[in-house]
Amino acid sequence: MQKIIQPLYKLYHVFRTIWYDINLKEQSTYKQLRNVNEHRYDKFNQPLVSITIPTLNRSQMLKERSIPSILNQTYQNFEIVVVGDHCTDNTEEILKSFKDNRIRFYNLPEPAKYPANKFHRWRVGGTKASNLAIDMANGEWIAHLDDDEIYTPNRIELMLKLAYDTNAEFVYGIHHEQRNMEHWDISDNPDPKQLKIARSSVMYRKYLNCFKYRDDTYKYNRPHDKDLWKRMLKAGIRICYLKQLVTYAPLKPGEKEKQAENWFPTQTNNNE
């Protein structure tokens, strides 16, 4: 009996994943929005760029890393939309200390519910805050930055130029992530179909906000950002790659290496 059930379960999982990836309503909405809004991107007119930052009790990272790296951009027509996943530290106070009215902050009144399993939680953590930040964005372009990561100084300027030069709806670039005191991982892949796209390295047209992060992607063994890129690609968005470093993520203060146990559980509960 077991020999019959296991192949059937695997077949069911394959078909369930295929159906999960085919969202005809989402694809139809995207095509309608593109037809209506395409003309707004014909010419470069110093568009407003919205940088979204979901965060949870990392006020010092915002103060020392992410926010300064945005404020120091060579392109200055931007807004910063920070959404707290029910922050309980001094995040709001730190953001106000910049005294820059381009920074907006909203804190979720209750913490979002995520899986108890540590690895599953890592795959979908921050989805509610991320989606709300996208909905709050006023810009013609939406970019993202993790609260502990850093933009290179000309990141926005270079990506906007590439987008308008190529008529791309979505652009991404090279991302570096420090693993230990001697080694950095380099995300440098011009083939978007491989989904090796760092979330902080992307920028896309506002009407692509019809695509939202899902909070159940752990059930399909993928992080929520890679799931989003996959659905966008299936819908047929025009995507372009900038072969230049645009973001990087150093170790956090006190870290000597990124600990595997911070991401992966010792035991996995498939019901979580």
Protein backbone atom coordinates (compact mmCIF):
# COMPACT_ATOMS: atom_id res chain seq x y z
CA MET A 1 0.00 0.00 0.00
CA GLN A 2 2.83 2.36 0.91
CA LYS A 3 4.41 1.79 -2.51
CA ILE A 4 1.19 3.01 -4.14
CA ILE A 5 0.56 5.97 -1.83
CA GLN A 6 4.03 7.55 -2.06
CA PRO A 7 4.09 7.97 -5.87
CA LEU A 8 0.52 9.31 -5.79
CA TYR A 9 1.48 11.84 -3.11
CA LYS A 10 4.48 13.00 -5.12
CA LEU A 11 2.30 13.37 -8.22
CA TYR A 12 -0.26 15.33 -6.21
CA HIS A 13 2.48 17.64 -4.91
CA VAL A 14 3.78 18.27 -8.45
CA PHE A 15 0.32 19.22 -9.75
CA ARG A 16 -0.39 21.33 -6.67
CA THR A 17 2.83 23.29 -7.22
CA ILE A 18 2.05 23.82 -10.91
CA TRP A 19 -1.42 25.11 -10.05
CA TYR A 20 0.07 27.35 -7.35
CA ASP A 21 2.37 28.94 -9.93
CA ILE A 22 -0.37 29.54 -12.50
CA ASN A 23 -2.30 32.56 -11.26
CA LEU A 24 -4.37 33.59 -14.27
CA LYS A 25 -6.12 36.43 -12.44
CA GLU A 26 -2.80 37.93 -11.37
CA GLN A 27 -1.39 37.67 -14.89
CA SER A 28 -4.53 39.22 -16.40
CA THR A 29 -4.42 42.12 -13.93
CA TYR A 30 -0.78 42.73 -14.77
CA LYS A 31 -1.45 42.90 -18.52
CA GLN A 32 -4.32 45.32 -18.01
CA LEU A 33 -2.25 47.58 -15.77
CA ARG A 34 0.66 47.53 -18.22
CA ASN A 35 -1.60 48.58 -21.10
CA VAL A 36 -3.01 51.46 -19.06
CA ASN A 37 0.27 52.68 -17.52
CA GLU A 38 2.95 51.91 -20.15
CA HIS A 39 2.89 55.44 -21.62
CA ARG A 40 3.90 56.95 -18.27
CA TYR A 41 7.36 55.41 -18.69
CA ASP A 42 8.06 56.62 -22.24
CA LYS A 43 10.33 59.46 -21.11
CA PHE A 44 12.60 59.98 -18.13
CA ASN A 45 11.13 62.82 -16.06
CA GLN A 46 12.89 62.49 -12.71
CA PRO A 47 10.38 59.94 -11.40
CA LEU A 48 9.77 59.41 -7.71
CA VAL A 49 11.32 56.16 -6.45
CA SER A 50 9.84 54.46 -3.38
CA ILE A 51 12.26 52.40 -1.30
CA THR A 52 10.44 49.93 0.94
CA ILE A 53 11.99 48.61 4.16
CA PRO A 54 10.20 46.06 6.34
CA THR A 55 11.80 45.90 9.77
CA LEU A 56 11.58 44.34 13.21
CA ASN A 57 13.45 45.87 16.14
CA ARG A 58 16.58 46.81 14.21
CA SER A 59 16.70 50.52 14.88
CA GLN A 60 20.51 50.60 14.98
CA MET A 61 20.78 48.93 11.58
CA LEU A 62 18.37 51.50 10.17
CA LYS A 63 20.35 54.32 11.78
CA GLU A 64 23.83 53.14 10.79
CA ARG A 65 23.29 51.30 7.50
CA SER A 66 20.16 51.26 5.40
CA ILE A 67 18.77 54.78 5.83
CA PRO A 68 22.12 56.64 5.43
CA SER A 69 22.91 54.64 2.29
CA ILE A 70 19.64 55.85 0.75
CA LEU A 71 20.01 59.46 1.86
CA ASN A 72 23.49 59.52 0.27
CA GLN A 73 22.25 58.50 -3.18
CA THR A 74 23.31 60.50 -6.23
CA TYR A 75 19.64 60.43 -7.27
CA GLN A 76 17.57 62.28 -4.69
CA ASN A 77 13.93 62.10 -5.82
CA PHE A 78 12.86 59.28 -3.55
CA GLU A 79 10.75 58.41 -0.55
CA ILE A 80 11.52 55.80 2.11
CA VAL A 81 8.61 53.69 3.33
CA VAL A 82 9.46 51.78 6.51
CA VAL A 83 6.92 49.33 7.91
CA GLY A 84 7.53 47.75 11.29
CA ASP A 85 6.39 44.19 11.88
CA HIS A 86 5.14 45.30 15.31
CA CYS A 87 8.44 46.89 16.44
CA THR A 88 8.79 47.33 20.19
CA ASP A 89 12.12 49.18 20.21
CA ASN A 90 12.92 52.83 19.39
CA THR A 91 12.59 52.47 15.60
CA GLU A 92 10.14 55.37 15.27
CA GLU A 93 12.34 57.67 17.36
CA ILE A 94 15.43 56.79 15.30
CA LEU A 95 13.63 57.48 12.01
CA LYS A 96 12.36 60.84 13.26
CA SER A 97 15.91 61.78 14.27
CA PHE A 98 16.87 61.99 10.58
CA LYS A 99 14.47 64.95 10.26
CA ASP A 100 13.73 64.09 6.64
CA ASN A 101 10.10 64.26 5.53
CA ARG A 102 10.83 61.74 2.77
CA ILE A 103 10.87 59.03 5.45
CA ARG A 104 7.50 57.54 6.40
CA PHE A 105 6.96 54.95 9.10
CA TYR A 106 4.03 52.73 9.99
CA ASN A 107 4.14 50.09 12.70
CA LEU A 108 1.80 47.09 12.54
CA PRO A 109 -0.36 47.17 15.68
CA GLU A 110 -0.01 43.40 16.08
CA PRO A 111 2.77 41.00 15.08
CA ALA A 112 2.15 39.02 11.90
CA LYS A 113 1.63 35.29 12.29
CA TYR A 114 4.37 33.14 10.79
CA PRO A 115 5.19 29.41 11.01
CA ALA A 116 6.75 28.17 14.24
CA ASN A 117 9.36 26.21 12.31
CA LYS A 118 12.48 28.41 12.11
CA PHE A 119 13.37 27.62 8.51
CA HIS A 120 9.79 28.01 7.32
CA ARG A 121 9.59 31.33 9.16
CA TRP A 122 12.77 32.52 7.45
CA ARG A 123 11.21 31.76 4.07
CA VAL A 124 8.16 33.98 4.64
CA GLY A 125 9.13 36.36 7.45
CA GLY A 126 8.22 39.98 6.81
CA THR A 127 5.69 39.33 4.04
CA LYS A 128 2.89 41.31 5.69
CA ALA A 129 5.11 44.33 6.34
CA SER A 130 6.61 44.11 2.85
CA ASN A 131 3.22 44.03 1.13
CA LEU A 132 1.93 46.95 3.17
CA ALA A 133 5.03 48.99 2.34
CA ILE A 134 4.45 48.31 -1.36
CA ASP A 135 0.82 49.42 -1.04
CA MET A 136 1.91 52.62 0.72
CA ALA A 137 4.44 53.51 -2.00
CA ASN A 138 3.69 56.65 -4.01
CA GLY A 139 6.56 56.39 -6.50
CA GLU A 140 6.55 55.44 -10.16
CA TRP A 141 9.24 52.92 -9.28
CA ILE A 142 9.50 50.59 -6.30
CA ALA A 143 12.81 49.41 -4.85
CA HIS A 144 13.53 47.38 -1.74
CA LEU A 145 16.21 47.39 0.92
CA ASP A 146 16.58 45.00 3.83
CA ASP A 147 17.04 46.92 7.07
CA ASP A 148 20.60 45.59 7.62
CA GLU A 149 21.86 46.09 4.06
CA ILE A 150 23.44 48.96 2.13
CA TYR A 151 22.93 50.64 -1.25
CA THR A 152 25.95 51.68 -3.29
CA PRO A 153 25.87 55.50 -3.77
CA ASN A 154 24.71 55.51 -7.41
CA ARG A 155 22.41 52.49 -7.18
CA ILE A 156 19.14 54.29 -7.97
CA GLU A 157 20.64 56.49 -10.69
CA LEU A 158 22.22 53.58 -12.57
CA MET A 159 19.14 51.37 -12.37
CA LEU A 160 16.81 54.10 -13.58
CA LYS A 161 19.09 54.79 -16.53
CA LEU A 162 19.18 51.13 -17.49
CA ALA A 163 15.40 50.80 -17.13
CA TYR A 164 14.67 53.73 -19.44
CA ASP A 165 17.42 52.84 -21.92
CA THR A 166 16.05 49.31 -22.33
CA ASN A 167 12.34 49.88 -21.64
CA ALA A 168 12.57 47.31 -18.85
CA GLU A 169 9.82 46.95 -16.30
CA PHE A 170 12.11 45.25 -13.78
CA VAL A 171 15.85 45.64 -13.25
CA TYR A 172 18.25 43.95 -10.85
CA GLY A 173 21.99 43.98 -10.21
CA ILE A 174 24.87 42.42 -8.29
CA HIS A 175 24.60 41.83 -4.56
CA HIS A 176 27.38 40.90 -2.12
CA GLU A 177 26.72 39.19 1.22
CA GLN A 178 29.41 38.62 3.82
CA ARG A 179 29.44 35.06 5.21
CA ASN A 180 32.44 35.31 7.51
CA MET A 181 35.50 37.50 8.11
CA GLU A 182 37.19 36.29 4.91
CA HIS A 183 34.39 35.35 2.50
CA TRP A 184 31.62 37.16 0.65
CA ASP A 185 28.92 35.47 -1.41
CA ILE A 186 28.42 37.20 -4.74
CA SER A 187 25.01 37.18 -6.41
CA ASP A 188 25.96 37.88 -10.03
CA ASN A 189 23.70 36.01 -12.44
CA PRO A 190 22.37 37.58 -15.66
CA ASP A 191 19.83 34.79 -16.21
CA PRO A 192 16.68 35.74 -14.26
CA LYS A 193 15.14 32.31 -14.86
CA GLN A 194 17.56 30.89 -12.31
CA LEU A 195 15.90 33.20 -9.73
CA LYS A 196 19.26 34.15 -8.23
CA ILE A 197 18.05 37.69 -7.64
CA ALA A 198 18.73 39.42 -4.34
CA ARG A 199 15.65 41.27 -3.15
CA SER A 200 17.57 44.42 -2.22
CA SER A 201 19.03 44.60 -5.73
CA VAL A 202 15.72 45.02 -7.59
CA MET A 203 13.66 47.94 -8.85
CA TYR A 204 10.43 47.73 -10.81
CA ARG A 205 7.54 49.79 -12.15
CA LYS A 206 4.80 50.62 -9.70
CA TYR A 207 2.03 48.76 -11.52
CA LEU A 208 3.89 45.52 -10.81
CA ASN A 209 2.58 45.95 -7.27
CA CYS A 210 -0.29 43.74 -8.44
CA PHE A 211 2.16 40.94 -7.59
CA LYS A 212 2.33 40.45 -3.84
CA TYR A 213 4.53 38.36 -1.56
CA ARG A 214 2.80 35.18 -0.40
CA ASP A 215 3.05 33.98 3.18
CA ASP A 216 2.67 30.27 2.40
CA THR A 217 5.60 29.70 0.02
CA TYR A 218 7.38 27.52 2.60
CA LYS A 219 4.82 24.84 1.70
CA TYR A 220 6.32 24.80 -1.79
CA ASN A 221 9.94 24.84 -0.62
CA ARG A 222 10.84 28.34 -1.77
CA PRO A 223 11.46 31.77 -0.20
CA HIS A 224 8.76 34.38 -0.73
CA ASP A 225 10.96 36.66 -2.86
CA LYS A 226 11.98 33.92 -5.32
CA ASP A 227 8.34 32.94 -5.55
CA LEU A 228 7.48 36.52 -6.50
CA TRP A 229 10.17 36.68 -9.21
CA LYS A 230 8.98 33.36 -10.62
CA ARG A 231 5.38 34.57 -10.91
CA MET A 232 6.47 37.83 -12.51
CA LEU A 233 8.56 35.97 -15.08
CA LYS A 234 5.67 33.63 -15.88
CA ALA A 235 3.51 36.67 -16.55
CA GLY A 236 6.03 37.89 -19.12
CA ILE A 237 7.51 41.03 -17.56
CA ARG A 238 10.41 42.72 -19.36
CA ILE A 239 13.48 42.30 -17.16
CA CYS A 240 17.03 43.60 -17.50
CA TYR A 241 20.25 42.95 -15.61
CA LEU A 242 22.76 45.57 -14.46
CA LYS A 243 26.21 44.01 -14.20
CA GLN A 244 27.33 46.26 -11.38
CA LEU A 245 27.33 46.05 -7.61
CA VAL A 246 24.22 47.79 -6.28
CA THR A 247 23.80 46.39 -2.73
CA TYR A 248 25.82 44.61 -0.08
CA ALA A 249 25.23 43.06 3.32
CA PRO A 250 28.13 43.07 5.80
CA LEU A 251 28.07 40.96 8.93
CA LYS A 252 26.12 42.51 11.76
CA PRO A 253 28.06 43.99 14.70
CA GLY A 254 29.44 41.19 16.85
CA GLU A 255 29.08 38.53 14.16
CA LYS A 256 32.09 36.61 12.93
CA GLU A 257 30.06 34.50 10.54
CA LYS A 258 26.46 33.91 9.59
CA GLN A 259 25.38 31.01 11.75
CA ALA A 260 23.50 28.24 9.96
CA GLU A 261 21.38 27.65 13.07
CA ASN A 262 19.97 31.16 12.68
CA TRP A 263 18.31 30.02 9.46
CA PHE A 264 17.83 26.27 9.72
CA PRO A 265 16.08 24.33 12.47
CA THR A 266 17.53 21.23 14.05
CA GLN A 267 14.27 19.47 13.32
CA THR A 268 11.67 20.14 10.66
CA ASN A 269 7.96 19.76 11.29
CA ASN A 270 6.21 19.40 7.94
CA ASN A 271 2.94 20.40 9.49
CA GLU A 272 4.15 23.89 10.35
